[in-house]
């Protein structure tokens, strides 16, 4: 079913919208949640919460891209669940990603706090606009969707070490870009 028809169902308050959303975007949203949480049960709950949020937000919101709209909702819900689940303990997959990016960011910023600040988002978006499309895709898949280096290597048909080195080079470029913008570590 086309996204416009699914959105129309939301506006009609037809519960079939939820079923169609799940059919079309369930696996996509689950992958995002699972990459962040690494727990099937928590991921399933976050996806279900996503459908509830979509129901509440459409209407009045008319998403330009239903996929991106749902992706953002499930990511935000999953990150909240992650913070809640791991407030007092370390969690490997997400911490590895955050630690990788930490070397790019100024030392006076808290990692979780900085991700929520629009200024950093704008700087990262500007940086992404300066790099080749394939590098942008890798960066977004790793640091937005939480794809593992192993999964990226598999999808690109190369070794994990190659992807790790490529991500390192991207982080160095990001650090240089942030330093040029006045963000010094």
C-alpha atoms as a PDB file:
ATOM      1  CA  UNK A   1       0.000   0.000   0.000  1.00  0.00           C
ATOM      2  CA  UNK A   2       1.247   3.478  -0.838  1.00  0.00           C
ATOM      3  CA  UNK A   3       2.188   5.803   2.013  1.00  0.00           C
ATOM      4  CA  UNK A   4      -0.422   8.360   0.967  1.00  0.00           C
ATOM      5  CA  UNK A   5      -3.156   5.739   1.381  1.00  0.00           C
ATOM      6  CA  UNK A   6      -1.810   4.706   4.785  1.00  0.00           C
ATOM      7  CA  UNK A   7      -1.778   8.345   5.898  1.00  0.00           C
ATOM      8  CA  UNK A   8      -5.349   8.738   4.645  1.00  0.00           C
ATOM      9  CA  UNK A   9      -6.337   5.795   6.860  1.00  0.00           C
ATOM     10  CA  UNK A  10      -4.784   7.576   9.858  1.00  0.00           C
ATOM     11  CA  UNK A  11      -6.765  10.706   9.052  1.00  0.00           C
ATOM     12  CA  UNK A  12      -9.965   8.635   8.820  1.00  0.00           C
ATOM     13  CA  UNK A  13      -8.991   7.092  12.193  1.00  0.00           C
ATOM     14  CA  UNK A  14      -9.214   3.677  10.570  1.00  0.00           C
ATOM     15  CA  UNK A  15      -7.302   1.088  12.606  1.00  0.00           C
ATOM     16  CA  UNK A  16      -6.281  -0.592   9.356  1.00  0.00           C
ATOM     17  CA  UNK A  17      -3.642   2.174   9.215  1.00  0.00           C
ATOM     18  CA  UNK A  18      -1.771   0.449  12.036  1.00  0.00           C
ATOM     19  CA  UNK A  19      -1.915  -2.929  10.322  1.00  0.00           C
ATOM     20  CA  UNK A  20      -0.723  -1.501   7.009  1.00  0.00           C
ATOM     21  CA  UNK A  21       2.029   0.453   8.736  1.00  0.00           C
ATOM     22  CA  UNK A  22       3.206  -2.709  10.459  1.00  0.00           C
ATOM     23  CA  UNK A  23       3.155  -4.681   7.198  1.00  0.00           C
ATOM     24  CA  UNK A  24       5.139  -2.054   5.304  1.00  0.00           C
ATOM     25  CA  UNK A  25       7.474  -0.698   7.988  1.00  0.00           C
ATOM     26  CA  UNK A  26       7.487  -3.241  10.821  1.00  0.00           C
ATOM     27  CA  UNK A  27      10.797  -4.867   9.860  1.00  0.00           C
ATOM     28  CA  UNK A  28      12.417  -1.475   9.204  1.00  0.00           C
ATOM     29  CA  UNK A  29      11.396  -0.101  12.610  1.00  0.00           C
ATOM     30  CA  UNK A  30      12.320  -3.337  14.364  1.00  0.00           C
ATOM     31  CA  UNK A  31      15.829  -3.206  12.868  1.00  0.00           C
ATOM     32  CA  UNK A  32      16.363   0.317  14.178  1.00  0.00           C
ATOM     33  CA  UNK A  33      15.146  -0.616  17.669  1.00  0.00           C
ATOM     34  CA  UNK A  34      17.138  -3.869  17.728  1.00  0.00           C
ATOM     35  CA  UNK A  35      20.342  -2.090  16.680  1.00  0.00           C
ATOM     36  CA  UNK A  36      19.969   0.246  19.635  1.00  0.00           C
ATOM     37  CA  UNK A  37      18.626  -2.127  22.265  1.00  0.00           C
ATOM     38  CA  UNK A  38      19.919  -5.583  21.280  1.00  0.00           C
ATOM     39  CA  UNK A  39      16.866  -7.063  22.968  1.00  0.00           C
ATOM     40  CA  UNK A  40      14.101  -8.628  20.924  1.00  0.00           C
ATOM     41  CA  UNK A  41      11.453  -8.034  23.584  1.00  0.00           C
ATOM     42  CA  UNK A  42      12.366  -4.395  24.189  1.00  0.00           C
ATOM     43  CA  UNK A  43      12.585  -3.821  20.436  1.00  0.00           C
ATOM     44  CA  UNK A  44       9.128  -5.268  19.859  1.00  0.00           C
ATOM     45  CA  UNK A  45       7.712  -3.048  22.612  1.00  0.00           C
ATOM     46  CA  UNK A  46       9.358   0.019  21.091  1.00  0.00           C
ATOM     47  CA  UNK A  47       7.907  -0.801  17.673  1.00  0.00           C
ATOM     48  CA  UNK A  48       4.438  -1.176  19.210  1.00  0.00           C
ATOM     49  CA  UNK A  49       4.929   2.140  21.026  1.00  0.00           C
ATOM     50  CA  UNK A  50       5.894   3.638  17.663  1.00  0.00           C
ATOM     51  CA  UNK A  51       2.543   2.651  16.184  1.00  0.00           C
ATOM     52  CA  UNK A  52       0.830   4.286  19.162  1.00  0.00           C
ATOM     53  CA  UNK A  53       2.816   7.491  18.679  1.00  0.00           C
ATOM     54  CA  UNK A  54       2.064   7.503  14.955  1.00  0.00           C
ATOM     55  CA  UNK A  55      -1.647   7.140  15.788  1.00  0.00           C
ATOM     56  CA  UNK A  56      -1.441  10.128  18.142  1.00  0.00           C
ATOM     57  CA  UNK A  57       0.582  12.342  15.787  1.00  0.00           C
ATOM     58  CA  UNK A  58      -1.241  11.651  12.501  1.00  0.00           C
ATOM     59  CA  UNK A  59      -3.333  13.810  12.350  1.00  0.00           C
ATOM     60  CA  UNK A  60      -2.521  16.656  12.715  1.00  0.00           C
ATOM     61  CA  UNK A  61       0.945  15.900  11.305  1.00  0.00           C
ATOM     62  CA  UNK A  62       1.151  14.962   7.638  1.00  0.00           C
ATOM     63  CA  UNK A  63       4.562  13.308   7.230  1.00  0.00           C
ATOM     64  CA  UNK A  64       6.445  14.103   4.029  1.00  0.00           C
ATOM     65  CA  UNK A  65       8.082  10.681   4.334  1.00  0.00           C
ATOM     66  CA  UNK A  66       6.223   8.112   6.411  1.00  0.00           C
ATOM     67  CA  UNK A  67       9.328   5.928   6.574  1.00  0.00           C
ATOM     68  CA  UNK A  68      11.510   8.723   7.957  1.00  0.00           C
ATOM     69  CA  UNK A  69       8.719   9.829  10.312  1.00  0.00           C
ATOM     70  CA  UNK A  70       8.395   6.327  11.766  1.00  0.00           C
ATOM     71  CA  UNK A  71      12.177   5.845  11.837  1.00  0.00           C
ATOM     72  CA  UNK A  72      12.615   8.961  13.959  1.00  0.00           C
ATOM     73  CA  UNK A  73       9.843   7.946  16.347  1.00  0.00           C
ATOM     74  CA  UNK A  74      11.180   4.413  16.871  1.00  0.00           C
ATOM     75  CA  UNK A  75      14.731   5.710  17.262  1.00  0.00           C
ATOM     76  CA  UNK A  76      13.681   8.246  19.907  1.00  0.00           C
ATOM     77  CA  UNK A  77      11.614   5.660  21.787  1.00  0.00           C
ATOM     78  CA  UNK A  78      14.460   3.133  21.605  1.00  0.00           C
ATOM     79  CA  UNK A  79      17.029   5.636  22.843  1.00  0.00           C
ATOM     80  CA  UNK A  80      14.753   6.511  25.772  1.00  0.00           C
ATOM     81  CA  UNK A  81      14.373   2.822  26.567  1.00  0.00           C
ATOM     82  CA  UNK A  82      18.145   2.379  26.268  1.00  0.00           C
ATOM     83  CA  UNK A  83      18.793   5.232  28.714  1.00  0.00           C
ATOM     84  CA  UNK A  84      16.206   3.841  31.102  1.00  0.00           C
ATOM     85  CA  UNK A  85      17.554   0.294  30.918  1.00  0.00           C
ATOM     86  CA  UNK A  86      21.171   1.318  31.279  1.00  0.00           C
ATOM     87  CA  UNK A  87      21.109   4.319  33.553  1.00  0.00           C
ATOM     88  CA  UNK A  88      23.569   2.675  35.955  1.00  0.00           C
ATOM     89  CA  UNK A  89      25.381   0.169  33.785  1.00  0.00           C
ATOM     90  CA  UNK A  90      27.301   0.061  30.548  1.00  0.00           C
ATOM     91  CA  UNK A  91      25.769  -1.336  27.374  1.00  0.00           C
ATOM     92  CA  UNK A  92      28.193  -2.582  24.775  1.00  0.00           C
ATOM     93  CA  UNK A  93      26.828  -1.875  21.269  1.00  0.00           C
ATOM     94  CA  UNK A  94      25.503   1.630  21.845  1.00  0.00           C
ATOM     95  CA  UNK A  95      28.441   2.644  24.023  1.00  0.00           C
ATOM     96  CA  UNK A  96      30.898   1.497  21.364  1.00  0.00           C
ATOM     97  CA  UNK A  97      29.194   3.748  18.807  1.00  0.00           C
ATOM     98  CA  UNK A  98      29.024   6.688  21.192  1.00  0.00           C
ATOM     99  CA  UNK A  99      32.656   6.227  22.221  1.00  0.00           C
ATOM    100  CA  UNK A 100      33.718   6.179  18.573  1.00  0.00           C
ATOM    101  CA  UNK A 101      32.080   9.562  18.048  1.00  0.00           C
ATOM    102  CA  UNK A 102      33.291  10.917  21.387  1.00  0.00           C
ATOM    103  CA  UNK A 103      36.774  11.632  20.033  1.00  0.00           C
ATOM    104  CA  UNK A 104      35.213  14.038  17.507  1.00  0.00           C
ATOM    105  CA  UNK A 105      33.325  16.107  20.034  1.00  0.00           C
ATOM    106  CA  UNK A 106      34.505  18.874  22.291  1.00  0.00           C
ATOM    107  CA  UNK A 107      35.460  17.633  25.752  1.00  0.00           C
ATOM    108  CA  UNK A 108      33.137  19.984  27.602  1.00  0.00           C
ATOM    109  CA  UNK A 109      30.031  18.287  26.179  1.00  0.00           C
ATOM    110  CA  UNK A 110      28.222  15.291  27.607  1.00  0.00           C
ATOM    111  CA  UNK A 111      27.777  12.724  24.822  1.00  0.00           C
ATOM    112  CA  UNK A 112      24.038  12.092  25.304  1.00  0.00           C
ATOM    113  CA  UNK A 113      23.324  15.760  25.870  1.00  0.00           C
ATOM    114  CA  UNK A 114      25.215  16.893  22.783  1.00  0.00           C
ATOM    115  CA  UNK A 115      23.244  14.586  20.498  1.00  0.00           C
ATOM    116  CA  UNK A 116      20.075  16.359  21.515  1.00  0.00           C
ATOM    117  CA  UNK A 117      21.393  19.806  20.716  1.00  0.00           C
ATOM    118  CA  UNK A 118      20.348  21.238  17.397  1.00  0.00           C
ATOM    119  CA  UNK A 119      23.660  23.025  16.911  1.00  0.00           C
ATOM    120  CA  UNK A 120      25.584  19.768  16.725  1.00  0.00           C
ATOM    121  CA  UNK A 121      22.965  18.232  14.447  1.00  0.00           C
ATOM    122  CA  UNK A 122      23.337  21.174  12.091  1.00  0.00           C
ATOM    123  CA  UNK A 123      27.136  20.836  12.098  1.00  0.00           C
ATOM    124  CA  UNK A 124      26.960  17.107  11.423  1.00  0.00           C
ATOM    125  CA  UNK A 125      24.437  17.649   8.629  1.00  0.00           C
ATOM    126  CA  UNK A 126      26.725  20.249   7.088  1.00  0.00           C
ATOM    127  CA  UNK A 127      29.625  17.801   7.353  1.00  0.00           C
ATOM    128  CA  UNK A 128      27.563  15.058   5.707  1.00  0.00           C
ATOM    129  CA  UNK A 129      26.896  17.412   2.820  1.00  0.00           C
ATOM    130  CA  UNK A 130      30.638  17.634   2.135  1.00  0.00           C
ATOM    131  CA  UNK A 131      31.400  13.921   1.847  1.00  0.00           C
ATOM    132  CA  UNK A 132      30.612  11.464  -0.952  1.00  0.00           C
ATOM    133  CA  UNK A 133      27.198   9.781  -0.990  1.00  0.00           C
ATOM    134  CA  UNK A 134      28.539   6.322  -0.100  1.00  0.00           C
ATOM    135  CA  UNK A 135      30.364   7.740   2.946  1.00  0.00           C
ATOM    136  CA  UNK A 136      27.194   9.581   4.000  1.00  0.00           C
ATOM    137  CA  UNK A 137      25.236   6.358   3.799  1.00  0.00           C
ATOM    138  CA  UNK A 138      27.846   4.493   5.858  1.00  0.00           C
ATOM    139  CA  UNK A 139      27.951   7.252   8.480  1.00  0.00           C
ATOM    140  CA  UNK A 140      24.162   7.413   8.811  1.00  0.00           C
ATOM    141  CA  UNK A 141      23.780   3.646   8.897  1.00  0.00           C
ATOM    142  CA  UNK A 142      26.425   3.350  11.631  1.00  0.00           C
ATOM    143  CA  UNK A 143      25.650   6.351  13.806  1.00  0.00           C
ATOM    144  CA  UNK A 144      21.942   6.942  13.214  1.00  0.00           C
ATOM    145  CA  UNK A 145      20.536   3.484  12.571  1.00  0.00           C
ATOM    146  CA  UNK A 146      23.148   1.730  14.703  1.00  0.00           C
ATOM    147  CA  UNK A 147      24.196  -0.862  12.134  1.00  0.00           C
ATOM    148  CA  UNK A 148      27.184  -2.898  13.272  1.00  0.00           C
ATOM    149  CA  UNK A 149      30.534  -2.827  11.486  1.00  0.00           C
ATOM    150  CA  UNK A 150      29.983  -6.517  10.772  1.00  0.00           C
ATOM    151  CA  UNK A 151      26.643  -5.853   9.058  1.00  0.00           C
ATOM    152  CA  UNK A 152      28.074  -2.965   7.048  1.00  0.00           C
ATOM    153  CA  UNK A 153      31.020  -5.097   5.925  1.00  0.00           C
ATOM    154  CA  UNK A 154      28.650  -7.870   4.878  1.00  0.00           C
ATOM    155  CA  UNK A 155      26.392  -5.467   2.945  1.00  0.00           C
ATOM    156  CA  UNK A 156      29.349  -3.849   1.179  1.00  0.00           C
ATOM    157  CA  UNK A 157      31.104  -7.149   0.512  1.00  0.00           C
ATOM    158  CA  UNK A 158      34.315  -6.264   2.301  1.00  0.00           C
ATOM    159  CA  UNK A 159      36.157  -7.022   5.511  1.00  0.00           C
ATOM    160  CA  UNK A 160      35.222  -5.522   8.874  1.00  0.00           C
ATOM    161  CA  UNK A 161      38.689  -4.000   9.158  1.00  0.00           C
ATOM    162  CA  UNK A 162      38.137  -2.038   5.945  1.00  0.00           C
ATOM    163  CA  UNK A 163      34.848  -0.613   7.261  1.00  0.00           C
ATOM    164  CA  UNK A 164      36.448   0.170  10.639  1.00  0.00           C
ATOM    165  CA  UNK A 165      39.248   2.081   8.941  1.00  0.00           C
ATOM    166  CA  UNK A 166      36.825   3.905   6.703  1.00  0.00           C
ATOM    167  CA  UNK A 167      34.707   4.900   9.704  1.00  0.00           C
ATOM    168  CA  UNK A 168      37.862   6.076  11.494  1.00  0.00           C
ATOM    169  CA  UNK A 169      38.709   8.326   8.539  1.00  0.00           C
ATOM    170  CA  UNK A 170      35.158   9.702   8.537  1.00  0.00           C
ATOM    171  CA  UNK A 171      35.334  10.444  12.262  1.00  0.00           C
ATOM    172  CA  UNK A 172      38.660  12.225  11.753  1.00  0.00           C
ATOM    173  CA  UNK A 173      37.121  14.326   8.982  1.00  0.00           C
ATOM    174  CA  UNK A 174      34.193  15.123  11.267  1.00  0.00           C
ATOM    175  CA  UNK A 175      36.553  16.129  14.056  1.00  0.00           C
ATOM    176  CA  UNK A 176      38.464  18.429  11.712  1.00  0.00           C
ATOM    177  CA  UNK A 177      35.204  19.933  10.502  1.00  0.00           C
ATOM    178  CA  UNK A 178      33.981  20.526  14.069  1.00  0.00           C
ATOM    179  CA  UNK A 179      37.320  22.074  15.050  1.00  0.00           C
ATOM    180  CA  UNK A 180      37.157  24.406  12.065  1.00  0.00           C
ATOM    181  CA  UNK A 181      33.709  25.503  13.257  1.00  0.00           C
ATOM    182  CA  UNK A 182      35.143  26.435  16.648  1.00  0.00           C
ATOM    183  CA  UNK A 183      34.456  23.223  18.544  1.00  0.00           C
ATOM    184  CA  UNK A 184      37.814  22.301  20.044  1.00  0.00           C
ATOM    185  CA  UNK A 185      38.449  19.118  21.984  1.00  0.00           C
END
